Amino acid sequence: MANDGNNKKDLDPRIKRNWEDIQKRHSYPVNAIGVRIDPKDKETLRVWRENGIDRFLKE
């Protein structure tokens, strides 16, 4: 992950695309390998939201 100086971490495009595909199969937040994100894991949830992965939650 790269840091652009604004404390926002940009994901490698391949990782982001893979994470989006994995997230489409789950109705709860998952990390890039498909494991449920613990609600206490604020850092991962922040990256999840900042990179727009939250838009791919299975409905």
Protein backbone atom coordinates (compact mmCIF):
# COMPACT_ATOMS: atom_id res chain seq x y z
CA MET A 1 0.00 0.00 0.00
CA ALA A 2 1.17 3.46 -0.82
CA ASN A 3 0.66 6.45 1.42
CA ASP A 4 -0.13 9.68 -0.44
CA GLY A 5 0.69 11.89 2.56
CA ASN A 6 -2.94 12.35 3.60
CA ASN A 7 -2.87 9.19 5.70
CA LYS A 8 -4.96 7.43 3.01
CA LYS A 9 -3.65 4.10 1.86
CA ASP A 10 -4.09 3.29 -1.82
CA LEU A 11 -4.39 -0.34 -2.72
CA ASP A 12 -2.67 -2.01 -5.62
CA PRO A 13 -5.33 -2.15 -8.39
CA ARG A 14 -5.07 -5.95 -8.61
CA ILE A 15 -5.66 -6.33 -4.87
CA LYS A 16 -8.57 -3.90 -4.97
CA ARG A 17 -10.23 -5.71 -7.89
CA ASN A 18 -9.78 -9.07 -6.15
CA TRP A 19 -11.15 -7.67 -2.86
CA GLU A 20 -14.21 -6.28 -4.70
CA ASP A 21 -14.88 -9.68 -6.27
CA ILE A 22 -14.57 -11.44 -2.91
CA GLN A 23 -16.79 -8.85 -1.17
CA LYS A 24 -19.55 -9.39 -3.76
CA ARG A 25 -20.01 -12.91 -2.33
CA HIS A 26 -20.54 -11.76 1.28
CA SER A 27 -23.23 -9.76 3.09
CA TYR A 28 -20.78 -8.60 5.78
CA PRO A 29 -17.40 -6.84 5.53
CA VAL A 30 -14.52 -9.14 4.59
CA ASN A 31 -10.82 -8.54 4.13
CA ALA A 32 -8.96 -9.13 0.87
CA ILE A 33 -8.73 -12.88 1.52
CA GLY A 34 -12.40 -13.31 2.40
CA VAL A 35 -12.19 -13.41 6.20
CA ARG A 36 -14.86 -11.47 8.12
CA ILE A 37 -13.52 -8.15 9.41
CA ASP A 38 -13.88 -7.83 13.17
CA PRO A 39 -15.97 -4.72 14.02
CA LYS A 40 -13.20 -3.72 16.46
CA ASP A 41 -10.64 -3.64 13.62
CA LYS A 42 -11.13 0.06 12.87
CA GLU A 43 -8.05 0.34 10.63
CA THR A 44 -9.16 -2.41 8.22
CA LEU A 45 -12.72 -1.08 8.16
CA ARG A 46 -11.39 2.39 7.38
CA VAL A 47 -9.35 1.08 4.44
CA TRP A 48 -12.38 -0.98 3.37
CA ARG A 49 -14.56 2.16 3.23
CA GLU A 50 -11.94 4.55 1.81
CA ASN A 51 -11.32 2.25 -1.13
CA GLY A 52 -15.03 1.80 -1.84
CA ILE A 53 -15.15 -1.92 -1.10
CA ASP A 54 -18.26 -1.28 1.02
CA ARG A 55 -20.22 -0.65 -2.21
CA PHE A 56 -19.88 -4.34 -3.10
CA LEU A 57 -21.68 -5.87 -0.11
CA LYS A 58 -23.94 -8.70 -1.23
CA GLU A 59 -27.56 -7.75 -0.72
